Amino acid sequence: MCGRHLAWAYPDHPPLVPVLSRLSEFLFGTAAWGLRLWPAPAGAGLVVFAGWFAARMGGGRFAQVVAALSLLLSPLFLLSNSMLQTVSFDQLLWLPRWGRV
């Protein structure tokens, strides 16, 4: 519903998700797969950044693969990146910041 009533501020979430919801409804109608299309690249980015983060910590190829696979197979991340919600994009934006520590 927030996608149908766009605003600059919402009490519980930033405006990115409602804008993506509105764009999804414009492009694909009310299909559920259209809403799930946006968090999928965010989840893929998480897997890539997990491998990158392991490399930044000094891990070799095996450590990078284990880090990426553990994130890919984690039920928490699979569930959070299967629905259009702010958590998917928060995770994607926060993981590269951890690599700078």
PDB file of N, CA and C in Angstrom:
ATOM      1  N   MET A   1       0.818  -1.196   0.000  1.00  0.00           N
ATOM      2  CA  MET A   1       0.000   0.000   0.000  1.00  0.00           C
ATOM      3  C   MET A   1       0.864   1.265   0.000  1.00  0.00           C
ATOM      4  N   CYS A   2       2.036   1.192   0.606  1.00  0.00           N
ATOM      5  CA  CYS A   2       2.904   2.374   0.612  1.00  0.00           C
ATOM      6  C   CYS A   2       3.356   2.725  -0.797  1.00  0.00           C
ATOM      7  N   GLY A   3       3.453   1.728  -1.674  1.00  0.00           N
ATOM      8  CA  GLY A   3       3.812   1.990  -3.061  1.00  0.00           C
ATOM      9  C   GLY A   3       2.740   2.751  -3.813  1.00  0.00           C
ATOM     10  N   ARG A   4       1.523   2.654  -3.368  1.00  0.00           N
ATOM     11  CA  ARG A   4       0.430   3.385  -4.010  1.00  0.00           C
ATOM     12  C   ARG A   4       0.268   4.784  -3.441  1.00  0.00           C
ATOM     13  N   HIS A   5       0.878   5.054  -2.314  1.00  0.00           N
ATOM     14  CA  HIS A   5       0.812   6.370  -1.673  1.00  0.00           C
ATOM     15  C   HIS A   5       2.232   6.824  -1.337  1.00  0.00           C
ATOM     16  N   LEU A   6       2.988   7.169  -2.360  1.00  0.00           N
ATOM     17  CA  LEU A   6       4.397   7.515  -2.169  1.00  0.00           C
ATOM     18  C   LEU A   6       4.552   8.797  -1.363  1.00  0.00           C
ATOM     19  N   ALA A   7       5.558   8.790  -0.509  1.00  0.00           N
ATOM     20  CA  ALA A   7       5.891   9.950   0.312  1.00  0.00           C
ATOM     21  C   ALA A   7       7.398   9.919   0.567  1.00  0.00           C
ATOM     22  N   TRP A   8       7.944  11.024   1.039  1.00  0.00           N
ATOM     23  CA  TRP A   8       9.376  11.082   1.329  1.00  0.00           C
ATOM     24  C   TRP A   8       9.726  10.396   2.639  1.00  0.00           C
ATOM     25  N   ALA A   9       8.792  10.308   3.535  1.00  0.00           N
ATOM     26  CA  ALA A   9       9.085   9.695   4.831  1.00  0.00           C
ATOM     27  C   ALA A   9       7.909   8.833   5.266  1.00  0.00           C
ATOM     28  N   TYR A  10       8.253   7.714   5.873  1.00  0.00           N
ATOM     29  CA  TYR A  10       7.270   6.802   6.447  1.00  0.00           C
ATOM     30  C   TYR A  10       7.670   6.572   7.893  1.00  0.00           C
ATOM     31  N   PRO A  11       6.732   6.258   8.760  1.00  0.00           N
ATOM     32  CA  PRO A  11       7.101   6.089  10.175  1.00  0.00           C
ATOM     33  C   PRO A  11       7.955   4.854  10.450  1.00  0.00           C
ATOM     34  N   ASP A  12       7.897   3.848   9.585  1.00  0.00           N
ATOM     35  CA  ASP A  12       8.586   2.604   9.911  1.00  0.00           C
ATOM     36  C   ASP A  12       9.623   2.143   8.899  1.00  0.00           C
ATOM     37  N   HIS A  13       9.778   2.809   7.752  1.00  0.00           N
ATOM     38  CA  HIS A  13      10.766   2.371   6.767  1.00  0.00           C
ATOM     39  C   HIS A  13      11.126   3.520   5.820  1.00  0.00           C
ATOM     40  N   PRO A  14      12.301   3.436   5.188  1.00  0.00           N
ATOM     41  CA  PRO A  14      12.701   4.454   4.229  1.00  0.00           C
ATOM     42  C   PRO A  14      11.918   4.300   2.919  1.00  0.00           C
ATOM     43  N   PRO A  15      11.970   5.294   2.043  1.00  0.00           N
ATOM     44  CA  PRO A  15      11.118   5.275   0.841  1.00  0.00           C
ATOM     45  C   PRO A  15      11.591   4.365  -0.287  1.00  0.00           C
ATOM     46  N   LEU A  16      12.730   3.683  -0.180  1.00  0.00           N
ATOM     47  CA  LEU A  16      13.212   2.852  -1.285  1.00  0.00           C
ATOM     48  C   LEU A  16      12.271   1.688  -1.582  1.00  0.00           C
ATOM     49  N   VAL A  17      11.830   0.994  -0.575  1.00  0.00           N
ATOM     50  CA  VAL A  17      10.972  -0.172  -0.783  1.00  0.00           C
ATOM     51  C   VAL A  17       9.617   0.223  -1.388  1.00  0.00           C
ATOM     52  N   PRO A  18       8.943   1.281  -0.920  1.00  0.00           N
ATOM     53  CA  PRO A  18       7.700   1.674  -1.593  1.00  0.00           C
ATOM     54  C   PRO A  18       7.904   2.098  -3.053  1.00  0.00           C
ATOM     55  N   VAL A  19       9.026   2.726  -3.348  1.00  0.00           N
ATOM     56  CA  VAL A  19       9.295   3.107  -4.745  1.00  0.00           C
ATOM     57  C   VAL A  19       9.494   1.859  -5.593  1.00  0.00           C
ATOM     58  N   LEU A  20      10.224   0.880  -5.079  1.00  0.00           N
ATOM     59  CA  LEU A  20      10.396  -0.368  -5.823  1.00  0.00           C
ATOM     60  C   LEU A  20       9.072  -1.112  -5.961  1.00  0.00           C
ATOM     61  N   SER A  21       8.226  -1.041  -4.941  1.00  0.00           N
ATOM     62  CA  SER A  21       6.910  -1.659  -5.015  1.00  0.00           C
ATOM     63  C   SER A  21       6.057  -0.998  -6.102  1.00  0.00           C
ATOM     64  N   ARG A  22       6.109   0.304  -6.149  1.00  0.00           N
ATOM     65  CA  ARG A  22       5.350   1.043  -7.176  1.00  0.00           C
ATOM     66  C   ARG A  22       5.870   0.718  -8.568  1.00  0.00           C
ATOM     67  N   LEU A  23       7.191   0.667  -8.719  1.00  0.00           N
ATOM     68  CA  LEU A  23       7.786   0.334 -10.006  1.00  0.00           C
ATOM     69  C   LEU A  23       7.428  -1.093 -10.417  1.00  0.00           C
ATOM     70  N   SER A  24       7.444  -1.994  -9.465  1.00  0.00           N
ATOM     71  CA  SER A  24       7.091  -3.382  -9.749  1.00  0.00           C
ATOM     72  C   SER A  24       5.634  -3.504 -10.180  1.00  0.00           C
ATOM     73  N   GLU A  25       4.761  -2.786  -9.499  1.00  0.00           N
ATOM     74  CA  GLU A  25       3.343  -2.836  -9.884  1.00  0.00           C
ATOM     75  C   GLU A  25       3.120  -2.217 -11.260  1.00  0.00           C
ATOM     76  N   PHE A  26       3.880  -1.180 -11.582  1.00  0.00           N
ATOM     77  CA  PHE A  26       3.772  -0.551 -12.896  1.00  0.00           C
ATOM     78  C   PHE A  26       4.269  -1.489 -13.998  1.00  0.00           C
ATOM     79  N   LEU A  27       5.389  -2.171 -13.751  1.00  0.00           N
ATOM     80  CA  LEU A  27       5.984  -3.019 -14.780  1.00  0.00           C
ATOM     81  C   LEU A  27       5.327  -4.387 -14.892  1.00  0.00           C
ATOM     82  N   PHE A  28       4.991  -5.009 -13.761  1.00  0.00           N
ATOM     83  CA  PHE A  28       4.550  -6.406 -13.769  1.00  0.00           C
ATOM     84  C   PHE A  28       3.139  -6.628 -13.254  1.00  0.00           C
ATOM     85  N   GLY A  29       2.441  -5.580 -12.903  1.00  0.00           N
ATOM     86  CA  GLY A  29       1.114  -5.752 -12.331  1.00  0.00           C
ATOM     87  C   GLY A  29       1.219  -6.166 -10.874  1.00  0.00           C
ATOM     88  N   THR A  30       0.257  -6.916 -10.420  1.00  0.00           N
ATOM     89  CA  THR A  30       0.249  -7.325  -9.009  1.00  0.00           C
ATOM     90  C   THR A  30       0.820  -8.728  -8.804  1.00  0.00           C
ATOM     91  N   ALA A  31       1.643  -9.185  -9.726  1.00  0.00           N
ATOM     92  CA  ALA A  31       2.236 -10.521  -9.608  1.00  0.00           C
ATOM     93  C   ALA A  31       3.226 -10.565  -8.450  1.00  0.00           C
ATOM     94  N   ALA A  32       3.178 -11.655  -7.704  1.00  0.00           N
ATOM     95  CA  ALA A  32       4.073 -11.797  -6.554  1.00  0.00           C
ATOM     96  C   ALA A  32       5.528 -11.911  -6.993  1.00  0.00           C
ATOM     97  N   TRP A  33       5.792 -12.540  -8.139  1.00  0.00           N
ATOM     98  CA  TRP A  33       7.168 -12.678  -8.596  1.00  0.00           C
ATOM     99  C   TRP A  33       7.768 -11.318  -8.948  1.00  0.00           C
ATOM    100  N   GLY A  34       6.938 -10.361  -9.322  1.00  0.00           N
ATOM    101  CA  GLY A  34       7.440  -9.019  -9.608  1.00  0.00           C
ATOM    102  C   GLY A  34       7.961  -8.320  -8.364  1.00  0.00           C
ATOM    103  N   LEU A  35       7.312  -8.586  -7.233  1.00  0.00           N
ATOM    104  CA  LEU A  35       7.799  -8.020  -5.972  1.00  0.00           C
ATOM    105  C   LEU A  35       9.047  -8.742  -5.484  1.00  0.00           C
ATOM    106  N   ARG A  36       9.160 -10.021  -5.777  1.00  0.00           N
ATOM    107  CA  ARG A  36      10.322 -10.794  -5.324  1.00  0.00           C
ATOM    108  C   ARG A  36      11.520 -10.618  -6.242  1.00  0.00           C
ATOM    109  N   LEU A  37      11.340  -9.902  -7.326  1.00  0.00           N
ATOM    110  CA  LEU A  37      12.429  -9.680  -8.265  1.00  0.00           C
ATOM    111  C   LEU A  37      13.495  -8.749  -7.687  1.00  0.00           C
ATOM    112  N   TRP A  38      13.132  -7.790  -6.874  1.00  0.00           N
ATOM    113  CA  TRP A  38      14.078  -6.797  -6.341  1.00  0.00           C
ATOM    114  C   TRP A  38      14.986  -7.325  -5.242  1.00  0.00           C
ATOM    115  N   PRO A  39      14.504  -8.102  -4.287  1.00  0.00           N
ATOM    116  CA  PRO A  39      15.422  -8.586  -3.256  1.00  0.00           C
ATOM    117  C   PRO A  39      16.367  -9.689  -3.742  1.00  0.00           C
ATOM    118  N   ALA A  40      16.091 -10.320  -4.870  1.00  0.00           N
ATOM    119  CA  ALA A  40      16.963 -11.386  -5.366  1.00  0.00           C
ATOM    120  C   ALA A  40      18.366 -10.861  -5.706  1.00  0.00           C
ATOM    121  N   PRO A  41      18.520  -9.760  -6.443  1.00  0.00           N
ATOM    122  CA  PRO A  41      19.875  -9.240  -6.671  1.00  0.00           C
ATOM    123  C   PRO A  41      20.539  -8.761  -5.381  1.00  0.00           C
ATOM    124  N   ALA A  42      19.751  -8.288  -4.429  1.00  0.00           N
ATOM    125  CA  ALA A  42      20.328  -7.890  -3.141  1.00  0.00           C
ATOM    126  C   ALA A  42      20.900  -9.107  -2.430  1.00  0.00           C
ATOM    127  N   GLY A  43      20.191 -10.223  -2.468  1.00  0.00           N
ATOM    128  CA  GLY A  43      20.694 -11.451  -1.868  1.00  0.00           C
ATOM    129  C   GLY A  43      21.932 -11.980  -2.586  1.00  0.00           C
ATOM    130  N   ALA A  44      21.951 -11.862  -3.915  1.00  0.00           N
ATOM    131  CA  ALA A  44      23.131 -12.279  -4.673  1.00  0.00           C
ATOM    132  C   ALA A  44      24.334 -11.396  -4.326  1.00  0.00           C
ATOM    133  N   GLY A  45      24.064 -10.111  -4.138  1.00  0.00           N
ATOM    134  CA  GLY A  45      25.142  -9.207  -3.734  1.00  0.00           C
ATOM    135  C   GLY A  45      25.684  -9.559  -2.362  1.00  0.00           C
ATOM    136  N   LEU A  46      24.818 -10.009  -1.469  1.00  0.00           N
ATOM    137  CA  LEU A  46      25.259 -10.445  -0.143  1.00  0.00           C
ATOM    138  C   LEU A  46      26.216 -11.626  -0.234  1.00  0.00           C
ATOM    139  N   VAL A  47      25.921 -12.559  -1.110  1.00  0.00           N
ATOM    140  CA  VAL A  47      26.778 -13.723  -1.263  1.00  0.00           C
ATOM    141  C   VAL A  47      28.150 -13.303  -1.799  1.00  0.00           C
ATOM    142  N   VAL A  48      28.153 -12.414  -2.775  1.00  0.00           N
ATOM    143  CA  VAL A  48      29.418 -11.917  -3.331  1.00  0.00           C
ATOM    144  C   VAL A  48      30.213 -11.161  -2.276  1.00  0.00           C
ATOM    145  N   PHE A  49      29.541 -10.296  -1.532  1.00  0.00           N
ATOM    146  CA  PHE A  49      30.239  -9.528  -0.499  1.00  0.00           C
ATOM    147  C   PHE A  49      30.743 -10.408   0.637  1.00  0.00           C
ATOM    148  N   ALA A  50      30.072 -11.513   0.916  1.00  0.00           N
ATOM    149  CA  ALA A  50      30.561 -12.431   1.955  1.00  0.00           C
ATOM    150  C   ALA A  50      31.899 -13.034   1.544  1.00  0.00           C
ATOM    151  N   GLY A  51      32.004 -13.441   0.285  1.00  0.00           N
ATOM    152  CA  GLY A  51      33.281 -13.945  -0.213  1.00  0.00           C
ATOM    153  C   GLY A  51      34.352 -12.867  -0.217  1.00  0.00           C
ATOM    154  N   TRP A  52      33.974 -11.670  -0.581  1.00  0.00           N
ATOM    155  CA  TRP A  52      34.918 -10.539  -0.585  1.00  0.00           C
ATOM    156  C   TRP A  52      35.388 -10.215   0.829  1.00  0.00           C
ATOM    157  N   PHE A  53      34.456 -10.270   1.763  1.00  0.00           N
ATOM    158  CA  PHE A  53      34.796  -9.989   3.156  1.00  0.00           C
ATOM    159  C   PHE A  53      35.759 -11.035   3.698  1.00  0.00           C
ATOM    160  N   ALA A  54      35.561 -12.292   3.332  1.00  0.00           N
ATOM    161  CA  ALA A  54      36.484 -13.342   3.759  1.00  0.00           C
ATOM    162  C   ALA A  54      37.876 -13.121   3.176  1.00  0.00           C
ATOM    163  N   ALA A  55      37.937 -12.651   1.941  1.00  0.00           N
ATOM    164  CA  ALA A  55      39.230 -12.335   1.330  1.00  0.00           C
ATOM    165  C   ALA A  55      39.895 -11.160   2.034  1.00  0.00           C
ATOM    166  N   ARG A  56      39.112 -10.156   2.424  1.00  0.00           N
ATOM    167  CA  ARG A  56      39.664  -9.011   3.150  1.00  0.00           C
ATOM    168  C   ARG A  56      40.219  -9.407   4.512  1.00  0.00           C
ATOM    169  N   MET A  57      39.654 -10.447   5.087  1.00  0.00           N
ATOM    170  CA  MET A  57      40.126 -10.926   6.386  1.00  0.00           C
ATOM    171  C   MET A  57      41.352 -11.828   6.249  1.00  0.00           C
ATOM    172  N   GLY A  58      41.793 -12.064   5.018  1.00  0.00           N
ATOM    173  CA  GLY A  58      42.993 -12.862   4.794  1.00  0.00           C
ATOM    174  C   GLY A  58      42.721 -14.301   4.427  1.00  0.00           C
ATOM    175  N   GLY A  59      41.481 -14.643   4.172  1.00  0.00           N
ATOM    176  CA  GLY A  59      41.133 -16.017   3.813  1.00  0.00           C
ATOM    177  C   GLY A  59      41.472 -16.331   2.372  1.00  0.00           C
ATOM    178  N   GLY A  60      41.786 -17.573   2.130  1.00  0.00           N
ATOM    179  CA  GLY A  60      42.079 -18.027   0.776  1.00  0.00           C
ATOM    180  C   GLY A  60      40.801 -18.354   0.022  1.00  0.00           C
ATOM    181  N   ARG A  61      40.960 -19.050  -1.081  1.00  0.00           N
ATOM    182  CA  ARG A  61      39.814 -19.399  -1.935  1.00  0.00           C
ATOM    183  C   ARG A  61      38.804 -20.278  -1.178  1.00  0.00           C
ATOM    184  N   PHE A  62      39.302 -21.225  -0.398  1.00  0.00           N
ATOM    185  CA  PHE A  62      38.408 -22.110   0.357  1.00  0.00           C
ATOM    186  C   PHE A  62      37.581 -21.317   1.366  1.00  0.00           C
ATOM    187  N   ALA A  63      38.198 -20.376   2.061  1.00  0.00           N
ATOM    188  CA  ALA A  63      37.476 -19.550   3.040  1.00  0.00           C
ATOM    189  C   ALA A  63      36.426 -18.680   2.353  1.00  0.00           C
ATOM    190  N   GLN A  64      36.747 -18.187   1.183  1.00  0.00           N
ATOM    191  CA  GLN A  64      35.775 -17.367   0.443  1.00  0.00           C
ATOM    192  C   GLN A  64      34.571 -18.195   0.022  1.00  0.00           C
ATOM    193  N   VAL A  65      34.829 -19.407  -0.449  1.00  0.00           N
ATOM    194  CA  VAL A  65      33.730 -20.279  -0.868  1.00  0.00           C
ATOM    195  C   VAL A  65      32.878 -20.688   0.320  1.00  0.00           C
ATOM    196  N   VAL A  66      33.515 -21.008   1.440  1.00  0.00           N
ATOM    197  CA  VAL A  66      32.757 -21.403   2.635  1.00  0.00           C
ATOM    198  C   VAL A  66      31.914 -20.230   3.136  1.00  0.00           C
ATOM    199  N   ALA A  67      32.475 -19.024   3.142  1.00  0.00           N
ATOM    200  CA  ALA A  67      31.717 -17.857   3.592  1.00  0.00           C
ATOM    201  C   ALA A  67      30.518 -17.599   2.683  1.00  0.00           C
ATOM    202  N   ALA A  68      30.743 -17.664   1.376  1.00  0.00           N
ATOM    203  CA  ALA A  68      29.653 -17.419   0.431  1.00  0.00           C
ATOM    204  C   ALA A  68      28.590 -18.510   0.531  1.00  0.00           C
ATOM    205  N   LEU A  69      29.004 -19.770   0.644  1.00  0.00           N
ATOM    206  CA  LEU A  69      28.038 -20.862   0.740  1.00  0.00           C
ATOM    207  C   LEU A  69      27.268 -20.833   2.053  1.00  0.00           C
ATOM    208  N   SER A  70      27.941 -20.485   3.135  1.00  0.00           N
ATOM    209  CA  SER A  70      27.232 -20.436   4.409  1.00  0.00           C
ATOM    210  C   SER A  70      26.170 -19.347   4.403  1.00  0.00           C
ATOM    211  N   LEU A  71      26.444 -18.245   3.735  1.00  0.00           N
ATOM    212  CA  LEU A  71      25.428 -17.199   3.619  1.00  0.00           C
ATOM    213  C   LEU A  71      24.318 -17.637   2.659  1.00  0.00           C
ATOM    214  N   LEU A  72      24.715 -18.267   1.575  1.00  0.00           N
ATOM    215  CA  LEU A  72      23.738 -18.704   0.573  1.00  0.00           C
ATOM    216  C   LEU A  72      22.770 -19.737   1.134  1.00  0.00           C
ATOM    217  N   LEU A  73      23.238 -20.604   2.015  1.00  0.00           N
ATOM    218  CA  LEU A  73      22.397 -21.672   2.554  1.00  0.00           C
ATOM    219  C   LEU A  73      21.762 -21.331   3.895  1.00  0.00           C
ATOM    220  N   SER A  74      21.987 -20.151   4.398  1.00  0.00           N
ATOM    221  CA  SER A  74      21.422 -19.743   5.681  1.00  0.00           C
ATOM    222  C   SER A  74      19.919 -19.485   5.547  1.00  0.00           C
ATOM    223  N   PRO A  75      19.093 -20.145   6.347  1.00  0.00           N
ATOM    224  CA  PRO A  75      17.645 -19.923   6.257  1.00  0.00           C
ATOM    225  C   PRO A  75      17.243 -18.478   6.539  1.00  0.00           C
ATOM    226  N   LEU A  76      17.963 -17.817   7.421  1.00  0.00           N
ATOM    227  CA  LEU A  76      17.639 -16.422   7.736  1.00  0.00           C
ATOM    228  C   LEU A  76      17.783 -15.532   6.505  1.00  0.00           C
ATOM    229  N   PHE A  77      18.897 -15.653   5.805  1.00  0.00           N
ATOM    230  CA  PHE A  77      19.114 -14.823   4.631  1.00  0.00           C
ATOM    231  C   PHE A  77      18.243 -15.250   3.458  1.00  0.00           C
ATOM    232  N   LEU A  78      17.987 -16.553   3.334  1.00  0.00           N
ATOM    233  CA  LEU A  78      17.096 -17.004   2.263  1.00  0.00           C
ATOM    234  C   LEU A  78      15.687 -16.453   2.452  1.00  0.00           C
ATOM    235  N   LEU A  79      15.210 -16.467   3.686  1.00  0.00           N
ATOM    236  CA  LEU A  79      13.865 -15.961   3.960  1.00  0.00           C
ATOM    237  C   LEU A  79      13.801 -14.443   3.805  1.00  0.00           C
ATOM    238  N   SER A  80      14.792 -13.746   4.322  1.00  0.00           N
ATOM    239  CA  SER A  80      14.726 -12.284   4.269  1.00  0.00           C
ATOM    240  C   SER A  80      14.890 -11.749   2.850  1.00  0.00           C
ATOM    241  N   ASN A  81      15.522 -12.511   1.967  1.00  0.00           N
ATOM    242  CA  ASN A  81      15.688 -12.051   0.591  1.00  0.00           C
ATOM    243  C   ASN A  81      14.678 -12.672  -0.359  1.00  0.00           C
ATOM    244  N   SER A  82      13.626 -13.253   0.176  1.00  0.00           N
ATOM    245  CA  SER A  82      12.572 -13.781  -0.682  1.00  0.00           C
ATOM    246  C   SER A  82      11.339 -12.888  -0.679  1.00  0.00           C
ATOM    247  N   MET A  83      11.362 -11.814   0.112  1.00  0.00           N
ATOM    248  CA  MET A  83      10.245 -10.884   0.174  1.00  0.00           C
ATOM    249  C   MET A  83      10.766  -9.462   0.020  1.00  0.00           C
ATOM    250  N   LEU A  84       9.961  -8.587  -0.532  1.00  0.00           N
ATOM    251  CA  LEU A  84      10.345  -7.184  -0.675  1.00  0.00           C
ATOM    252  C   LEU A  84      10.158  -6.500   0.672  1.00  0.00           C
ATOM    253  N   GLN A  85      11.279  -6.261   1.331  1.00  0.00           N
ATOM    254  CA  GLN A  85      11.268  -5.595   2.621  1.00  0.00           C
ATOM    255  C   GLN A  85      12.591  -4.856   2.784  1.00  0.00           C
ATOM    256  N   THR A  86      12.660  -3.990   3.751  1.00  0.00           N
ATOM    257  CA  THR A  86      13.858  -3.176   3.916  1.00  0.00           C
ATOM    258  C   THR A  86      15.063  -3.981   4.376  1.00  0.00           C
ATOM    259  N   VAL A  87      14.852  -5.127   4.996  1.00  0.00           N
ATOM    260  CA  VAL A  87      15.956  -5.926   5.533  1.00  0.00           C
ATOM    261  C   VAL A  87      16.928  -6.337   4.429  1.00  0.00           C
ATOM    262  N   SER A  88      16.423  -6.714   3.264  1.00  0.00           N
ATOM    263  CA  SER A  88      17.290  -7.149   2.169  1.00  0.00           C
ATOM    264  C   SER A  88      18.282  -6.072   1.785  1.00  0.00           C
ATOM    265  N   PHE A  89      17.818  -4.864   1.669  1.00  0.00           N
ATOM    266  CA  PHE A  89      18.679  -3.770   1.237  1.00  0.00           C
ATOM    267  C   PHE A  89      19.554  -3.266   2.374  1.00  0.00           C
ATOM    268  N   ASP A  90      19.076  -3.356   3.603  1.00  0.00           N
ATOM    269  CA  ASP A  90      19.910  -3.007   4.757  1.00  0.00           C
ATOM    270  C   ASP A  90      21.107  -3.941   4.853  1.00  0.00           C
ATOM    271  N   GLN A  91      20.865  -5.226   4.702  1.00  0.00           N
ATOM    272  CA  GLN A  91      21.957  -6.194   4.766  1.00  0.00           C
ATOM    273  C   GLN A  91      22.969  -5.942   3.655  1.00  0.00           C
ATOM    274  N   LEU A  92      22.484  -5.646   2.464  1.00  0.00           N
ATOM    275  CA  LEU A  92      23.378  -5.404   1.334  1.00  0.00           C
ATOM    276  C   LEU A  92      24.228  -4.156   1.547  1.00  0.00           C
ATOM    277  N   LEU A  93      23.653  -3.127   2.126  1.00  0.00           N
ATOM    278  CA  LEU A  93      24.400  -1.890   2.325  1.00  0.00           C
ATOM    279  C   LEU A  93      25.314  -1.927   3.532  1.00  0.00           C
ATOM    280  N   TRP A  94      25.031  -2.746   4.520  1.00  0.00           N
ATOM    281  CA  TRP A  94      25.871  -2.802   5.709  1.00  0.00           C
ATOM    282  C   TRP A  94      27.050  -3.751   5.574  1.00  0.00           C
ATOM    283  N   LEU A  95      26.938  -4.796   4.793  1.00  0.00           N
ATOM    284  CA  LEU A  95      28.029  -5.764   4.703  1.00  0.00           C
ATOM    285  C   LEU A  95      29.324  -5.160   4.160  1.00  0.00           C
ATOM    286  N   PRO A  96      29.323  -4.328   3.116  1.00  0.00           N
ATOM    287  CA  PRO A  96      30.592  -3.724   2.682  1.00  0.00           C
ATOM    288  C   PRO A  96      31.204  -2.797   3.731  1.00  0.00           C
ATOM    289  N   ARG A  97      30.398  -2.194   4.589  1.00  0.00           N
ATOM    290  CA  ARG A  97      30.941  -1.335   5.635  1.00  0.00           C
ATOM    291  C   ARG A  97      31.737  -2.137   6.647  1.00  0.00           C
ATOM    292  N   TRP A  98      31.340  -3.391   6.884  1.00  0.00           N
ATOM    293  CA  TRP A  98      32.080  -4.237   7.821  1.00  0.00           C
ATOM    294  C   TRP A  98      33.472  -4.544   7.277  1.00  0.00           C
ATOM    295  N   GLY A  99      33.624  -4.567   5.950  1.00  0.00           N
ATOM    296  CA  GLY A  99      34.920  -4.851   5.350  1.00  0.00           C
ATOM    297  C   GLY A  99      35.928  -3.738   5.542  1.00  0.00           C
ATOM    298  N   ARG A 100      35.485  -2.552   5.905  1.00  0.00           N
ATOM    299  CA  ARG A 100      36.393  -1.432   6.109  1.00  0.00           C
ATOM    300  C   ARG A 100      36.984  -1.381   7.508  1.00  0.00           C
ATOM    301  N   VAL A 101      36.461  -2.207   8.391  1.00  0.00           N
ATOM    302  CA  VAL A 101      36.919  -2.181   9.785  1.00  0.00           C
ATOM    303  C   VAL A 101      38.338  -2.704   9.889  1.00  0.00           C
TER     304      VAL A 101
END
